[in-house]
């Protein structure tokens, strides 16, 4: 975040609260604050995914100046990116959800999770949410910033972090 021009202060930008329903967290764009729903987070792995998911939204807010409140397409893009990069669609999570598939399963999961997230925060029809996700899916699914790759596992996350640390190294003498 700091590298992208947005400072994060964990005392100010993170809040743990009890939440209604089964929502695990959220990003409040008006205060640039990540809310963690302490009553709905089951374990450390779940919290890691929620924090990563919401940090993707915070990164998008900083980098792309997302118009959260009026552009469903902006919201859809950030939801696609967050579902893709946070581990929401990991094989283990999908097995627990009893969702199995072989062909393009990750993409299907990302699309479905993005649609569900939009429906959780906007009062729009499922068809409108699906249309918004479909319109932005390809470009947003292929945008892996700030990681550079999808961190499917801890090993991939370490590779992504290493890539991030070395990203400017090759251009420093140009």
N, C-alpha and C. Protein backbone atom coordinates (compact mmCIF):
# COMPACT_ATOMS: atom_id res chain seq x y z
N UNK A 1 0.84 -1.19 0.00
CA UNK A 1 0.00 0.00 0.00
C UNK A 1 0.88 1.25 0.00
N UNK A 2 1.89 1.23 0.84
CA UNK A 2 2.78 2.39 0.92
C UNK A 2 3.47 2.63 -0.42
N UNK A 3 3.87 1.54 -1.08
CA UNK A 3 4.52 1.63 -2.38
C UNK A 3 3.59 2.25 -3.42
N UNK A 4 2.28 2.10 -3.23
CA UNK A 4 1.30 2.65 -4.16
C UNK A 4 0.83 4.04 -3.78
N UNK A 5 1.39 4.59 -2.73
CA UNK A 5 1.06 5.96 -2.35
C UNK A 5 0.00 6.08 -1.28
N UNK A 6 -0.37 4.98 -0.64
CA UNK A 6 -1.38 5.02 0.41
C UNK A 6 -0.81 4.42 1.68
N UNK A 7 -0.68 5.21 2.68
CA UNK A 7 -0.16 4.72 3.96
C UNK A 7 -1.28 3.98 4.70
N UNK A 8 -0.89 2.97 5.44
CA UNK A 8 -1.84 2.20 6.26
C UNK A 8 -1.40 2.30 7.71
N UNK A 9 -2.32 2.64 8.56
CA UNK A 9 -2.09 2.68 9.99
C UNK A 9 -3.03 1.63 10.59
N UNK A 10 -2.47 0.52 11.08
CA UNK A 10 -3.34 -0.58 11.51
C UNK A 10 -4.26 -0.19 12.66
N UNK A 11 -3.88 0.78 13.47
CA UNK A 11 -4.77 1.22 14.55
C UNK A 11 -5.96 2.00 14.01
N UNK A 12 -5.79 2.70 12.89
CA UNK A 12 -6.86 3.52 12.33
C UNK A 12 -7.60 2.83 11.19
N UNK A 13 -6.92 2.04 10.38
CA UNK A 13 -7.51 1.49 9.18
C UNK A 13 -8.08 0.08 9.34
N UNK A 14 -8.00 -0.49 10.52
CA UNK A 14 -8.58 -1.80 10.80
C UNK A 14 -9.50 -1.70 12.00
N UNK A 15 -10.65 -2.33 11.90
CA UNK A 15 -11.61 -2.32 13.00
C UNK A 15 -12.20 -3.72 13.14
N UNK A 16 -12.24 -4.22 14.37
CA UNK A 16 -12.89 -5.51 14.66
C UNK A 16 -14.23 -5.22 15.31
N UNK A 17 -15.28 -5.76 14.71
CA UNK A 17 -16.64 -5.48 15.18
C UNK A 17 -17.50 -6.72 15.07
N UNK A 18 -18.61 -6.73 15.79
CA UNK A 18 -19.64 -7.74 15.58
C UNK A 18 -20.48 -7.28 14.40
N UNK A 19 -20.80 -8.22 13.51
CA UNK A 19 -21.55 -7.89 12.30
C UNK A 19 -22.82 -8.72 12.21
N UNK A 20 -23.80 -8.19 11.50
CA UNK A 20 -25.04 -8.91 11.25
C UNK A 20 -24.85 -9.91 10.13
N UNK A 21 -25.67 -10.95 10.12
CA UNK A 21 -25.62 -11.93 9.05
C UNK A 21 -24.37 -12.77 9.10
N UNK A 22 -23.95 -13.23 7.92
CA UNK A 22 -22.76 -14.09 7.86
C UNK A 22 -21.61 -13.42 7.13
N UNK A 23 -21.60 -12.10 7.10
CA UNK A 23 -20.52 -11.34 6.47
C UNK A 23 -19.27 -11.46 7.34
N UNK A 24 -18.13 -11.67 6.71
CA UNK A 24 -16.88 -11.84 7.45
C UNK A 24 -16.06 -10.56 7.55
N UNK A 25 -16.33 -9.62 6.67
CA UNK A 25 -15.58 -8.36 6.69
C UNK A 25 -16.05 -7.44 5.59
N UNK A 26 -15.45 -6.27 5.56
CA UNK A 26 -15.81 -5.30 4.53
C UNK A 26 -14.79 -4.18 4.48
N UNK A 27 -14.85 -3.44 3.38
CA UNK A 27 -14.01 -2.26 3.22
C UNK A 27 -14.92 -1.05 3.15
N UNK A 28 -14.72 -0.12 4.08
CA UNK A 28 -15.50 1.12 4.12
C UNK A 28 -14.70 2.20 3.40
N UNK A 29 -15.10 2.49 2.17
CA UNK A 29 -14.36 3.44 1.33
C UNK A 29 -14.41 4.86 1.89
N UNK A 30 -15.49 5.21 2.57
CA UNK A 30 -15.61 6.58 3.08
C UNK A 30 -14.58 6.88 4.17
N UNK A 31 -14.17 5.86 4.92
CA UNK A 31 -13.17 6.05 5.97
C UNK A 31 -11.86 5.32 5.66
N UNK A 32 -11.81 4.65 4.51
CA UNK A 32 -10.66 3.82 4.12
C UNK A 32 -10.32 2.83 5.24
N UNK A 33 -11.34 2.19 5.77
CA UNK A 33 -11.16 1.28 6.90
C UNK A 33 -11.64 -0.12 6.55
N UNK A 34 -10.86 -1.09 6.98
CA UNK A 34 -11.22 -2.49 6.84
C UNK A 34 -11.89 -2.93 8.12
N UNK A 35 -13.09 -3.52 7.98
CA UNK A 35 -13.83 -4.01 9.13
C UNK A 35 -13.75 -5.54 9.11
N UNK A 36 -13.31 -6.10 10.22
CA UNK A 36 -13.26 -7.55 10.40
C UNK A 36 -14.39 -7.95 11.33
N UNK A 37 -15.22 -8.86 10.89
CA UNK A 37 -16.38 -9.29 11.68
C UNK A 37 -15.96 -10.40 12.63
N UNK A 38 -15.60 -10.01 13.84
CA UNK A 38 -15.03 -10.95 14.80
C UNK A 38 -15.98 -12.08 15.18
N UNK A 39 -17.27 -11.84 15.07
CA UNK A 39 -18.23 -12.89 15.42
C UNK A 39 -18.44 -13.89 14.29
N UNK A 40 -17.92 -13.61 13.10
CA UNK A 40 -18.12 -14.50 11.95
C UNK A 40 -16.84 -15.10 11.40
N UNK A 41 -15.71 -14.73 11.95
CA UNK A 41 -14.44 -15.28 11.48
C UNK A 41 -14.13 -16.53 12.31
N UNK A 42 -13.97 -17.66 11.60
CA UNK A 42 -13.90 -18.97 12.26
C UNK A 42 -12.52 -19.34 12.77
N UNK A 43 -11.48 -18.96 12.05
CA UNK A 43 -10.13 -19.37 12.44
C UNK A 43 -9.10 -18.46 11.77
N UNK A 44 -7.83 -18.71 12.04
CA UNK A 44 -6.77 -17.85 11.53
C UNK A 44 -6.72 -17.85 10.00
N UNK A 45 -6.88 -19.00 9.38
CA UNK A 45 -6.83 -19.08 7.92
C UNK A 45 -7.97 -18.26 7.31
N UNK A 46 -9.15 -18.34 7.91
CA UNK A 46 -10.29 -17.55 7.44
C UNK A 46 -9.99 -16.06 7.58
N UNK A 47 -9.44 -15.66 8.73
CA UNK A 47 -9.11 -14.26 8.92
C UNK A 47 -8.08 -13.79 7.90
N UNK A 48 -7.08 -14.62 7.61
CA UNK A 48 -6.07 -14.25 6.61
C UNK A 48 -6.72 -13.98 5.25
N UNK A 49 -7.66 -14.83 4.86
CA UNK A 49 -8.35 -14.63 3.58
C UNK A 49 -9.18 -13.34 3.59
N UNK A 50 -9.88 -13.10 4.69
CA UNK A 50 -10.72 -11.90 4.79
C UNK A 50 -9.84 -10.65 4.73
N UNK A 51 -8.76 -10.64 5.49
CA UNK A 51 -7.87 -9.48 5.48
C UNK A 51 -7.29 -9.26 4.08
N UNK A 52 -6.85 -10.34 3.44
CA UNK A 52 -6.31 -10.21 2.09
C UNK A 52 -7.37 -9.70 1.12
N UNK A 53 -8.57 -10.25 1.20
CA UNK A 53 -9.68 -9.82 0.33
C UNK A 53 -9.93 -8.32 0.50
N UNK A 54 -10.02 -7.88 1.74
CA UNK A 54 -10.33 -6.46 1.98
C UNK A 54 -9.14 -5.56 1.66
N UNK A 55 -7.92 -6.05 1.84
CA UNK A 55 -6.75 -5.26 1.44
C UNK A 55 -6.69 -5.08 -0.08
N UNK A 56 -7.18 -6.05 -0.83
CA UNK A 56 -7.26 -5.88 -2.29
C UNK A 56 -8.19 -4.71 -2.60
N UNK A 57 -9.33 -4.64 -1.89
CA UNK A 57 -10.24 -3.50 -2.09
C UNK A 57 -9.55 -2.18 -1.71
N UNK A 58 -8.82 -2.19 -0.60
CA UNK A 58 -8.11 -0.97 -0.18
C UNK A 58 -7.06 -0.57 -1.22
N UNK A 59 -6.36 -1.56 -1.75
CA UNK A 59 -5.36 -1.30 -2.80
C UNK A 59 -6.03 -0.71 -4.04
N UNK A 60 -7.16 -1.30 -4.46
CA UNK A 60 -7.88 -0.79 -5.62
C UNK A 60 -8.37 0.63 -5.37
N UNK A 61 -8.84 0.90 -4.16
CA UNK A 61 -9.31 2.23 -3.80
C UNK A 61 -8.17 3.24 -3.95
N UNK A 62 -7.00 2.86 -3.51
CA UNK A 62 -5.83 3.73 -3.58
C UNK A 62 -5.33 3.88 -5.02
N UNK A 63 -5.15 2.76 -5.69
CA UNK A 63 -4.53 2.75 -7.01
C UNK A 63 -5.46 3.22 -8.11
N UNK A 64 -6.69 2.75 -8.10
CA UNK A 64 -7.59 2.98 -9.23
C UNK A 64 -8.69 3.99 -8.95
N UNK A 65 -8.73 4.51 -7.72
CA UNK A 65 -9.76 5.48 -7.35
C UNK A 65 -11.15 4.97 -7.73
N UNK A 66 -11.45 3.78 -7.22
CA UNK A 66 -12.70 3.10 -7.52
C UNK A 66 -13.89 3.94 -7.08
N UNK A 67 -14.87 4.03 -7.96
CA UNK A 67 -16.11 4.73 -7.64
C UNK A 67 -17.09 3.69 -7.09
N UNK A 68 -16.96 3.39 -5.80
CA UNK A 68 -17.68 2.30 -5.15
C UNK A 68 -19.19 2.49 -5.15
N UNK A 69 -19.63 3.72 -5.04
CA UNK A 69 -21.04 3.98 -4.75
C UNK A 69 -21.90 4.16 -5.99
N UNK A 70 -21.30 4.46 -7.15
CA UNK A 70 -22.11 4.68 -8.34
C UNK A 70 -21.77 3.77 -9.51
N UNK A 71 -20.61 3.13 -9.51
CA UNK A 71 -20.23 2.28 -10.63
C UNK A 71 -20.21 0.80 -10.22
N UNK A 72 -21.20 0.06 -10.68
CA UNK A 72 -21.25 -1.37 -10.39
C UNK A 72 -20.08 -2.07 -11.08
N UNK A 73 -19.65 -1.56 -12.22
CA UNK A 73 -18.51 -2.16 -12.93
C UNK A 73 -17.22 -2.00 -12.11
N UNK A 74 -17.02 -0.85 -11.48
CA UNK A 74 -15.84 -0.67 -10.63
C UNK A 74 -15.87 -1.66 -9.48
N UNK A 75 -17.03 -1.76 -8.83
CA UNK A 75 -17.20 -2.71 -7.73
C UNK A 75 -16.96 -4.12 -8.22
N UNK A 76 -17.51 -4.47 -9.37
CA UNK A 76 -17.36 -5.82 -9.92
C UNK A 76 -15.89 -6.14 -10.17
N UNK A 77 -15.15 -5.20 -10.70
CA UNK A 77 -13.73 -5.45 -10.97
C UNK A 77 -12.97 -5.72 -9.67
N UNK A 78 -13.21 -4.92 -8.66
CA UNK A 78 -12.52 -5.12 -7.40
C UNK A 78 -12.93 -6.44 -6.75
N UNK A 79 -14.20 -6.82 -6.88
CA UNK A 79 -14.65 -8.10 -6.32
C UNK A 79 -14.03 -9.28 -7.07
N UNK A 80 -13.90 -9.17 -8.38
CA UNK A 80 -13.24 -10.23 -9.16
C UNK A 80 -11.80 -10.36 -8.70
N UNK A 81 -11.10 -9.23 -8.59
CA UNK A 81 -9.71 -9.26 -8.16
C UNK A 81 -9.57 -9.84 -6.76
N UNK A 82 -10.45 -9.43 -5.84
CA UNK A 82 -10.36 -9.90 -4.46
C UNK A 82 -10.65 -11.40 -4.36
N UNK A 83 -11.64 -11.88 -5.09
CA UNK A 83 -11.93 -13.32 -5.08
C UNK A 83 -10.79 -14.11 -5.69
N UNK A 84 -10.18 -13.57 -6.72
CA UNK A 84 -9.10 -14.25 -7.44
C UNK A 84 -7.82 -14.31 -6.61
N UNK A 85 -7.50 -13.24 -5.91
CA UNK A 85 -6.18 -13.12 -5.28
C UNK A 85 -6.15 -13.44 -3.79
N UNK A 86 -7.30 -13.56 -3.15
CA UNK A 86 -7.32 -13.70 -1.69
C UNK A 86 -7.31 -15.13 -1.18
N UNK A 87 -7.54 -16.09 -2.04
CA UNK A 87 -7.66 -17.47 -1.58
C UNK A 87 -9.10 -17.90 -1.39
N UNK A 88 -10.06 -17.01 -1.69
CA UNK A 88 -11.47 -17.36 -1.57
C UNK A 88 -11.80 -18.61 -2.38
N UNK A 89 -11.11 -18.79 -3.48
CA UNK A 89 -11.43 -19.89 -4.40
C UNK A 89 -10.38 -20.99 -4.37
N UNK A 90 -9.71 -21.14 -3.25
CA UNK A 90 -8.73 -22.22 -3.14
C UNK A 90 -9.43 -23.57 -3.21
N UNK A 91 -8.70 -24.58 -3.58
CA UNK A 91 -9.26 -25.92 -3.69
C UNK A 91 -9.87 -26.37 -2.36
N UNK A 92 -9.18 -26.11 -1.26
CA UNK A 92 -9.67 -26.52 0.06
C UNK A 92 -11.01 -25.83 0.36
N UNK A 93 -11.10 -24.53 0.11
CA UNK A 93 -12.36 -23.82 0.36
C UNK A 93 -13.49 -24.36 -0.51
N UNK A 94 -13.18 -24.64 -1.75
CA UNK A 94 -14.20 -25.15 -2.65
C UNK A 94 -14.66 -26.56 -2.25
N UNK A 95 -13.76 -27.38 -1.75
CA UNK A 95 -14.15 -28.70 -1.26
C UNK A 95 -15.08 -28.56 -0.06
N UNK A 96 -14.76 -27.63 0.86
CA UNK A 96 -15.64 -27.40 2.02
C UNK A 96 -17.01 -26.89 1.58
N UNK A 97 -17.07 -26.15 0.48
CA UNK A 97 -18.35 -25.65 -0.04
C UNK A 97 -19.07 -26.71 -0.87
N UNK A 98 -18.41 -27.86 -1.07
CA UNK A 98 -18.93 -28.95 -1.90
C UNK A 98 -19.10 -28.53 -3.35
N UNK A 99 -18.19 -27.69 -3.82
CA UNK A 99 -18.16 -27.28 -5.22
C UNK A 99 -16.97 -27.96 -5.87
N UNK A 100 -17.25 -28.78 -6.84
CA UNK A 100 -16.18 -29.47 -7.53
C UNK A 100 -16.30 -29.21 -9.02
N UNK A 101 -15.19 -29.20 -9.69
CA UNK A 101 -15.19 -29.04 -11.13
C UNK A 101 -13.77 -29.17 -11.63
N UNK A 102 -13.64 -29.51 -12.86
CA UNK A 102 -12.31 -29.69 -13.42
C UNK A 102 -11.96 -28.59 -14.41
N UNK A 103 -12.89 -28.26 -15.27
CA UNK A 103 -12.59 -27.32 -16.34
C UNK A 103 -12.91 -25.89 -15.90
N UNK A 104 -11.91 -25.02 -15.90
CA UNK A 104 -12.05 -23.60 -15.56
C UNK A 104 -12.76 -23.39 -14.22
N UNK A 105 -12.50 -24.28 -13.28
CA UNK A 105 -13.18 -24.20 -11.99
C UNK A 105 -12.81 -22.92 -11.24
N UNK A 106 -11.54 -22.55 -11.25
CA UNK A 106 -11.12 -21.35 -10.52
C UNK A 106 -11.84 -20.11 -11.07
N UNK A 107 -11.91 -19.98 -12.39
CA UNK A 107 -12.59 -18.84 -12.99
C UNK A 107 -14.08 -18.82 -12.63
N UNK A 108 -14.70 -19.98 -12.64
CA UNK A 108 -16.12 -20.07 -12.29
C UNK A 108 -16.33 -19.65 -10.84
N UNK A 109 -15.47 -20.12 -9.96
CA UNK A 109 -15.56 -19.75 -8.54
C UNK A 109 -15.40 -18.24 -8.36
N UNK A 110 -14.38 -17.66 -9.01
CA UNK A 110 -14.14 -16.22 -8.89
C UNK A 110 -15.36 -15.44 -9.36
N UNK A 111 -15.91 -15.84 -10.49
CA UNK A 111 -17.10 -15.15 -11.02
C UNK A 111 -18.25 -15.24 -10.03
N UNK A 112 -18.52 -16.44 -9.52
CA UNK A 112 -19.63 -16.64 -8.59
C UNK A 112 -19.43 -15.87 -7.29
N UNK A 113 -18.21 -15.89 -6.74
CA UNK A 113 -17.94 -15.18 -5.49
C UNK A 113 -18.06 -13.66 -5.68
N UNK A 114 -17.62 -13.16 -6.84
CA UNK A 114 -17.75 -11.73 -7.12
C UNK A 114 -19.22 -11.32 -7.19
N UNK A 115 -20.03 -12.13 -7.84
CA UNK A 115 -21.46 -11.84 -7.94
C UNK A 115 -22.09 -11.84 -6.55
N UNK A 116 -21.77 -12.84 -5.73
CA UNK A 116 -22.32 -12.89 -4.36
C UNK A 116 -21.91 -11.67 -3.54
N UNK A 117 -20.66 -11.25 -3.69
CA UNK A 117 -20.19 -10.07 -2.94
C UNK A 117 -20.92 -8.81 -3.37
N UNK A 118 -21.16 -8.65 -4.66
CA UNK A 118 -21.89 -7.48 -5.15
C UNK A 118 -23.31 -7.49 -4.59
N UNK A 119 -23.95 -8.65 -4.64
CA UNK A 119 -25.32 -8.74 -4.14
C UNK A 119 -25.40 -8.48 -2.63
N UNK A 120 -24.31 -8.76 -1.91
CA UNK A 120 -24.30 -8.52 -0.46
C UNK A 120 -24.22 -7.03 -0.13
N UNK A 121 -23.68 -6.21 -1.05
CA UNK A 121 -23.49 -4.79 -0.71
C UNK A 121 -24.32 -3.84 -1.57
N UNK A 122 -24.95 -4.33 -2.62
CA UNK A 122 -25.76 -3.48 -3.48
C UNK A 122 -27.15 -4.08 -3.64
N UNK A 123 -28.14 -3.23 -3.68
CA UNK A 123 -29.51 -3.66 -3.88
C UNK A 123 -29.82 -3.64 -5.38
N UNK A 124 -29.25 -4.64 -6.08
CA UNK A 124 -29.48 -4.76 -7.52
C UNK A 124 -29.88 -6.20 -7.83
N UNK A 125 -30.38 -6.41 -9.03
CA UNK A 125 -30.79 -7.76 -9.41
C UNK A 125 -29.56 -8.63 -9.69
N UNK A 126 -29.77 -9.92 -9.59
CA UNK A 126 -28.69 -10.87 -9.89
C UNK A 126 -28.23 -10.69 -11.34
N UNK A 127 -29.15 -10.43 -12.23
CA UNK A 127 -28.81 -10.25 -13.65
C UNK A 127 -27.89 -9.04 -13.84
N UNK A 128 -28.16 -7.95 -13.13
CA UNK A 128 -27.29 -6.76 -13.23
C UNK A 128 -25.90 -7.06 -12.69
N UNK A 129 -25.83 -7.80 -11.59
CA UNK A 129 -24.53 -8.16 -11.00
C UNK A 129 -23.76 -9.07 -11.96
N UNK A 130 -24.44 -10.05 -12.54
CA UNK A 130 -23.80 -10.95 -13.49
C UNK A 130 -23.29 -10.20 -14.71
N UNK A 131 -24.08 -9.28 -15.22
CA UNK A 131 -23.69 -8.49 -16.39
C UNK A 131 -22.44 -7.66 -16.09
N UNK A 132 -22.42 -7.01 -14.92
CA UNK A 132 -21.26 -6.20 -14.54
C UNK A 132 -20.00 -7.06 -14.43
N UNK A 133 -20.11 -8.21 -13.79
CA UNK A 133 -18.96 -9.11 -13.65
C UNK A 133 -18.50 -9.60 -15.02
N UNK A 134 -19.44 -9.99 -15.87
CA UNK A 134 -19.07 -10.49 -17.20
C UNK A 134 -18.37 -9.42 -18.03
N UNK A 135 -18.79 -8.17 -17.89
CA UNK A 135 -18.20 -7.07 -18.67
C UNK A 135 -16.74 -6.81 -18.30
N UNK A 136 -16.39 -7.01 -17.04
CA UNK A 136 -15.04 -6.67 -16.58
C UNK A 136 -14.18 -7.90 -16.32
N UNK A 137 -14.75 -9.08 -16.42
CA UNK A 137 -14.08 -10.27 -15.90
C UNK A 137 -12.69 -10.49 -16.46
N UNK A 138 -12.54 -10.52 -17.76
CA UNK A 138 -11.26 -10.90 -18.35
C UNK A 138 -10.12 -9.97 -17.91
N UNK A 139 -10.33 -8.67 -18.04
CA UNK A 139 -9.23 -7.75 -17.68
C UNK A 139 -8.97 -7.75 -16.18
N UNK A 140 -10.01 -7.82 -15.37
CA UNK A 140 -9.82 -7.77 -13.92
C UNK A 140 -9.28 -9.09 -13.37
N UNK A 141 -9.69 -10.21 -13.95
CA UNK A 141 -9.18 -11.52 -13.55
C UNK A 141 -7.68 -11.61 -13.84
N UNK A 142 -7.23 -11.00 -14.91
CA UNK A 142 -5.82 -11.06 -15.30
C UNK A 142 -4.96 -9.97 -14.65
N UNK A 143 -5.55 -9.11 -13.85
CA UNK A 143 -4.81 -8.08 -13.12
C UNK A 143 -4.42 -8.66 -11.76
N UNK A 144 -3.16 -8.99 -11.58
CA UNK A 144 -2.68 -9.64 -10.36
C UNK A 144 -1.93 -8.70 -9.43
N UNK A 145 -2.01 -7.41 -9.68
CA UNK A 145 -1.33 -6.46 -8.80
C UNK A 145 -2.00 -6.45 -7.44
N UNK A 146 -1.31 -6.30 -6.37
CA UNK A 146 0.12 -6.01 -6.25
C UNK A 146 1.00 -7.25 -6.20
N UNK A 147 0.41 -8.44 -6.41
CA UNK A 147 1.16 -9.68 -6.23
C UNK A 147 1.96 -10.09 -7.46
N UNK A 148 1.44 -9.79 -8.64
CA UNK A 148 2.11 -10.22 -9.86
C UNK A 148 1.74 -11.62 -10.28
N UNK A 149 1.13 -12.37 -9.40
CA UNK A 149 0.68 -13.74 -9.67
C UNK A 149 -0.40 -14.08 -8.65
N UNK A 150 -1.16 -15.11 -8.94
CA UNK A 150 -2.17 -15.56 -7.98
C UNK A 150 -1.46 -16.37 -6.90
N UNK A 151 -1.52 -15.94 -5.65
CA UNK A 151 -0.84 -16.67 -4.58
C UNK A 151 -1.68 -17.87 -4.10
N UNK A 152 -1.66 -18.96 -4.89
CA UNK A 152 -2.48 -20.14 -4.60
C UNK A 152 -2.10 -20.84 -3.30
N UNK A 153 -0.87 -20.66 -2.86
CA UNK A 153 -0.41 -21.34 -1.64
C UNK A 153 0.59 -20.45 -0.95
N UNK A 154 1.06 -20.89 0.22
CA UNK A 154 2.09 -20.11 0.93
C UNK A 154 3.35 -20.02 0.09
N UNK A 155 3.68 -21.06 -0.64
CA UNK A 155 4.86 -21.03 -1.50
C UNK A 155 4.70 -19.97 -2.58
N UNK A 156 3.54 -19.95 -3.25
CA UNK A 156 3.28 -18.94 -4.28
C UNK A 156 3.25 -17.54 -3.67
N UNK A 157 2.73 -17.42 -2.46
CA UNK A 157 2.72 -16.12 -1.79
C UNK A 157 4.15 -15.64 -1.53
N UNK A 158 5.04 -16.55 -1.14
CA UNK A 158 6.44 -16.18 -0.95
C UNK A 158 7.07 -15.76 -2.27
N UNK A 159 6.77 -16.49 -3.35
CA UNK A 159 7.27 -16.11 -4.68
C UNK A 159 6.75 -14.74 -5.08
N UNK A 160 5.48 -14.48 -4.82
CA UNK A 160 4.90 -13.19 -5.16
C UNK A 160 5.57 -12.07 -4.38
N UNK A 161 5.82 -12.32 -3.10
CA UNK A 161 6.49 -11.31 -2.28
C UNK A 161 7.91 -11.06 -2.78
N UNK A 162 8.61 -12.11 -3.13
CA UNK A 162 9.96 -11.96 -3.68
C UNK A 162 9.93 -11.18 -4.99
N UNK A 163 8.97 -11.50 -5.85
CA UNK A 163 8.83 -10.77 -7.11
C UNK A 163 8.56 -9.29 -6.84
N UNK A 164 7.70 -9.01 -5.85
CA UNK A 164 7.39 -7.63 -5.51
C UNK A 164 8.65 -6.90 -5.03
N UNK A 165 9.41 -7.54 -4.18
CA UNK A 165 10.63 -6.91 -3.67
C UNK A 165 11.63 -6.62 -4.79
N UNK A 166 11.64 -7.45 -5.81
CA UNK A 166 12.61 -7.30 -6.90
C UNK A 166 12.05 -6.58 -8.13
N UNK A 167 10.81 -6.12 -8.08
CA UNK A 167 10.16 -5.58 -9.28
C UNK A 167 10.87 -4.38 -9.87
N UNK A 168 11.46 -3.52 -9.07
CA UNK A 168 12.13 -2.33 -9.61
C UNK A 168 13.61 -2.54 -9.86
N UNK A 169 14.14 -3.65 -9.40
CA UNK A 169 15.56 -3.92 -9.49
C UNK A 169 16.08 -3.89 -10.93
N UNK A 170 15.30 -4.42 -11.86
CA UNK A 170 15.75 -4.54 -13.23
C UNK A 170 15.73 -3.22 -13.99
N UNK A 171 14.98 -2.26 -13.49
CA UNK A 171 14.85 -0.98 -14.19
C UNK A 171 15.60 0.16 -13.49
N UNK A 172 16.32 -0.15 -12.44
CA UNK A 172 16.96 0.90 -11.65
C UNK A 172 18.08 1.61 -12.39
N UNK A 173 18.68 0.96 -13.38
CA UNK A 173 19.79 1.58 -14.11
C UNK A 173 19.36 2.20 -15.44
N UNK A 174 18.08 2.20 -15.72
CA UNK A 174 17.62 2.75 -17.01
C UNK A 174 17.37 4.22 -16.90
